[in-house]
């Protein structure tokens, strides 16, 4: 088989390090929290429960 044009890789999870407790964890789209009053989405650290701002979710890299 020969690839003519390389496709984009679908993103299913992202890895993040907590700025407070150094916990390294993965999150996916369903873990995002959003509010109209906040400019960016956030996730909660599973260890210390700190809110961490993240980039908007893109399905493909």
N, C-alpha and C. Protein backbone atom coordinates (compact mmCIF):
# COMPACT_ATOMS: atom_id res chain seq x y z
N UNK A 1 0.85 -1.16 0.00
CA UNK A 1 0.00 0.00 0.00
C UNK A 1 0.90 1.23 0.00
N UNK A 2 0.47 2.28 -0.69
CA UNK A 2 1.25 3.51 -0.81
C UNK A 2 0.38 4.68 -0.35
N UNK A 3 0.92 5.50 0.54
CA UNK A 3 0.21 6.69 1.01
C UNK A 3 0.47 7.83 0.03
N UNK A 4 -0.59 8.40 -0.51
CA UNK A 4 -0.48 9.52 -1.44
C UNK A 4 -0.41 10.84 -0.66
N UNK A 5 -1.26 10.99 0.33
CA UNK A 5 -1.26 12.18 1.17
C UNK A 5 -1.46 11.75 2.62
N UNK A 6 -0.59 12.19 3.51
CA UNK A 6 -0.66 11.83 4.91
C UNK A 6 -1.89 12.48 5.55
N UNK A 7 -2.66 11.72 6.29
CA UNK A 7 -3.84 12.25 6.98
C UNK A 7 -3.48 12.86 8.32
N UNK A 8 -4.45 13.46 8.98
CA UNK A 8 -4.24 14.05 10.29
C UNK A 8 -4.55 13.02 11.37
N UNK A 9 -3.82 13.10 12.46
CA UNK A 9 -4.00 12.17 13.56
C UNK A 9 -5.12 12.67 14.47
N UNK A 10 -6.08 11.81 14.75
CA UNK A 10 -7.22 12.18 15.62
C UNK A 10 -6.76 12.21 17.07
N UNK A 11 -7.12 13.27 17.77
CA UNK A 11 -6.74 13.45 19.16
C UNK A 11 -7.83 12.85 20.05
N UNK A 12 -7.45 11.91 20.90
CA UNK A 12 -8.41 11.32 21.82
C UNK A 12 -8.14 11.71 23.26
N UNK A 13 -6.90 12.09 23.57
CA UNK A 13 -6.54 12.51 24.93
C UNK A 13 -5.33 13.43 24.86
N UNK A 14 -5.18 14.24 25.87
CA UNK A 14 -4.03 15.13 25.99
C UNK A 14 -3.39 14.92 27.35
N UNK A 15 -2.08 15.12 27.42
CA UNK A 15 -1.35 14.96 28.67
C UNK A 15 -1.05 16.35 29.24
N UNK A 16 -1.11 16.45 30.56
CA UNK A 16 -0.91 17.73 31.23
C UNK A 16 -0.21 17.50 32.56
N UNK A 17 0.59 18.48 32.99
CA UNK A 17 1.24 18.45 34.29
C UNK A 17 0.67 19.58 35.14
N UNK A 18 0.23 19.26 36.33
CA UNK A 18 -0.34 20.26 37.23
C UNK A 18 0.76 21.20 37.71
N UNK A 19 0.46 22.50 37.68
CA UNK A 19 1.44 23.49 38.11
C UNK A 19 1.61 23.54 39.63
N UNK A 20 0.65 22.99 40.39
CA UNK A 20 0.75 23.02 41.85
C UNK A 20 1.40 21.78 42.44
N UNK A 21 0.95 20.60 42.01
CA UNK A 21 1.42 19.37 42.67
C UNK A 21 2.26 18.47 41.77
N UNK A 22 2.52 18.87 40.53
CA UNK A 22 3.33 18.11 39.57
C UNK A 22 2.71 16.77 39.16
N UNK A 23 1.42 16.60 39.38
CA UNK A 23 0.73 15.40 38.92
C UNK A 23 0.69 15.42 37.38
N UNK A 24 1.03 14.31 36.76
CA UNK A 24 0.95 14.18 35.31
C UNK A 24 -0.28 13.32 35.02
N UNK A 25 -1.20 13.86 34.21
CA UNK A 25 -2.42 13.13 33.93
C UNK A 25 -2.88 13.40 32.50
N UNK A 26 -3.77 12.55 32.02
CA UNK A 26 -4.37 12.73 30.71
C UNK A 26 -5.83 13.10 30.88
N UNK A 27 -6.30 13.95 29.98
CA UNK A 27 -7.71 14.32 29.98
C UNK A 27 -8.24 14.24 28.57
N UNK A 28 -9.55 14.11 28.43
CA UNK A 28 -10.15 14.11 27.11
C UNK A 28 -11.25 15.17 27.06
N UNK A 29 -11.93 15.21 25.95
CA UNK A 29 -12.91 16.29 25.71
C UNK A 29 -14.00 16.36 26.79
N UNK A 30 -14.43 15.22 27.31
CA UNK A 30 -15.52 15.22 28.30
C UNK A 30 -15.07 15.76 29.67
N UNK A 31 -13.77 15.91 29.90
CA UNK A 31 -13.26 16.45 31.16
C UNK A 31 -13.19 17.97 31.18
N UNK A 32 -13.41 18.61 30.03
CA UNK A 32 -13.33 20.08 29.94
C UNK A 32 -14.52 20.73 30.63
N UNK A 33 -14.25 21.86 31.26
CA UNK A 33 -15.30 22.69 31.87
C UNK A 33 -15.25 24.04 31.17
N UNK A 34 -16.42 24.57 30.86
CA UNK A 34 -16.50 25.86 30.19
C UNK A 34 -17.59 26.70 30.83
N UNK A 35 -17.39 28.01 30.76
CA UNK A 35 -18.36 28.96 31.30
C UNK A 35 -18.31 30.20 30.41
N UNK A 36 -19.44 30.84 30.18
CA UNK A 36 -19.47 32.02 29.33
C UNK A 36 -18.65 33.17 29.90
N UNK A 37 -18.48 33.20 31.20
CA UNK A 37 -17.73 34.29 31.84
C UNK A 37 -16.23 34.11 31.76
N UNK A 38 -15.77 32.89 31.48
CA UNK A 38 -14.33 32.60 31.41
C UNK A 38 -13.90 32.52 29.95
N UNK A 39 -12.74 33.08 29.62
CA UNK A 39 -12.30 33.09 28.22
C UNK A 39 -11.79 31.74 27.70
N UNK A 40 -11.32 30.87 28.59
CA UNK A 40 -10.75 29.59 28.16
C UNK A 40 -11.36 28.44 28.94
N UNK A 41 -11.37 27.25 28.36
CA UNK A 41 -11.84 26.08 29.13
C UNK A 41 -10.79 25.67 30.16
N UNK A 42 -11.18 24.82 31.11
CA UNK A 42 -10.26 24.36 32.13
C UNK A 42 -10.58 22.92 32.49
N UNK A 43 -9.61 22.28 33.13
CA UNK A 43 -9.78 20.94 33.70
C UNK A 43 -9.34 21.00 35.16
N UNK A 44 -9.82 20.04 35.94
CA UNK A 44 -9.41 19.97 37.34
C UNK A 44 -8.36 18.88 37.50
N UNK A 45 -7.31 19.18 38.25
CA UNK A 45 -6.28 18.19 38.56
C UNK A 45 -6.91 17.08 39.39
N UNK A 46 -6.68 15.81 39.04
CA UNK A 46 -7.28 14.72 39.80
C UNK A 46 -6.68 14.54 41.19
N UNK A 47 -5.50 15.09 41.43
CA UNK A 47 -4.86 14.94 42.75
C UNK A 47 -5.22 16.07 43.71
N UNK A 48 -4.96 17.33 43.29
CA UNK A 48 -5.16 18.45 44.21
C UNK A 48 -6.40 19.29 43.88
N UNK A 49 -7.11 18.93 42.82
CA UNK A 49 -8.36 19.59 42.42
C UNK A 49 -8.19 21.05 41.98
N UNK A 50 -6.98 21.46 41.61
CA UNK A 50 -6.75 22.81 41.09
C UNK A 50 -7.32 22.93 39.69
N UNK A 51 -7.86 24.11 39.38
CA UNK A 51 -8.36 24.37 38.03
C UNK A 51 -7.18 24.80 37.16
N UNK A 52 -7.03 24.17 35.98
CA UNK A 52 -5.93 24.46 35.08
C UNK A 52 -6.50 24.86 33.73
N UNK A 53 -6.15 26.07 33.29
CA UNK A 53 -6.58 26.54 31.98
C UNK A 53 -5.93 25.71 30.88
N UNK A 54 -6.72 25.36 29.87
CA UNK A 54 -6.20 24.58 28.73
C UNK A 54 -6.64 25.25 27.43
N UNK A 55 -6.04 24.82 26.34
CA UNK A 55 -6.40 25.34 25.03
C UNK A 55 -7.73 24.72 24.59
N UNK A 56 -8.36 25.37 23.64
CA UNK A 56 -9.59 24.82 23.06
C UNK A 56 -9.29 23.48 22.42
N UNK A 57 -10.22 22.56 22.50
CA UNK A 57 -10.04 21.21 21.99
C UNK A 57 -10.12 21.20 20.47
N UNK A 58 -9.12 20.64 19.82
CA UNK A 58 -9.13 20.41 18.39
C UNK A 58 -9.14 18.91 18.18
N UNK A 59 -10.05 18.43 17.34
CA UNK A 59 -10.16 16.98 17.15
C UNK A 59 -8.98 16.38 16.40
N UNK A 60 -8.27 17.19 15.61
CA UNK A 60 -7.15 16.68 14.83
C UNK A 60 -5.92 17.54 15.03
N UNK A 61 -4.74 16.90 15.02
CA UNK A 61 -3.48 17.62 15.13
C UNK A 61 -3.00 18.04 13.78
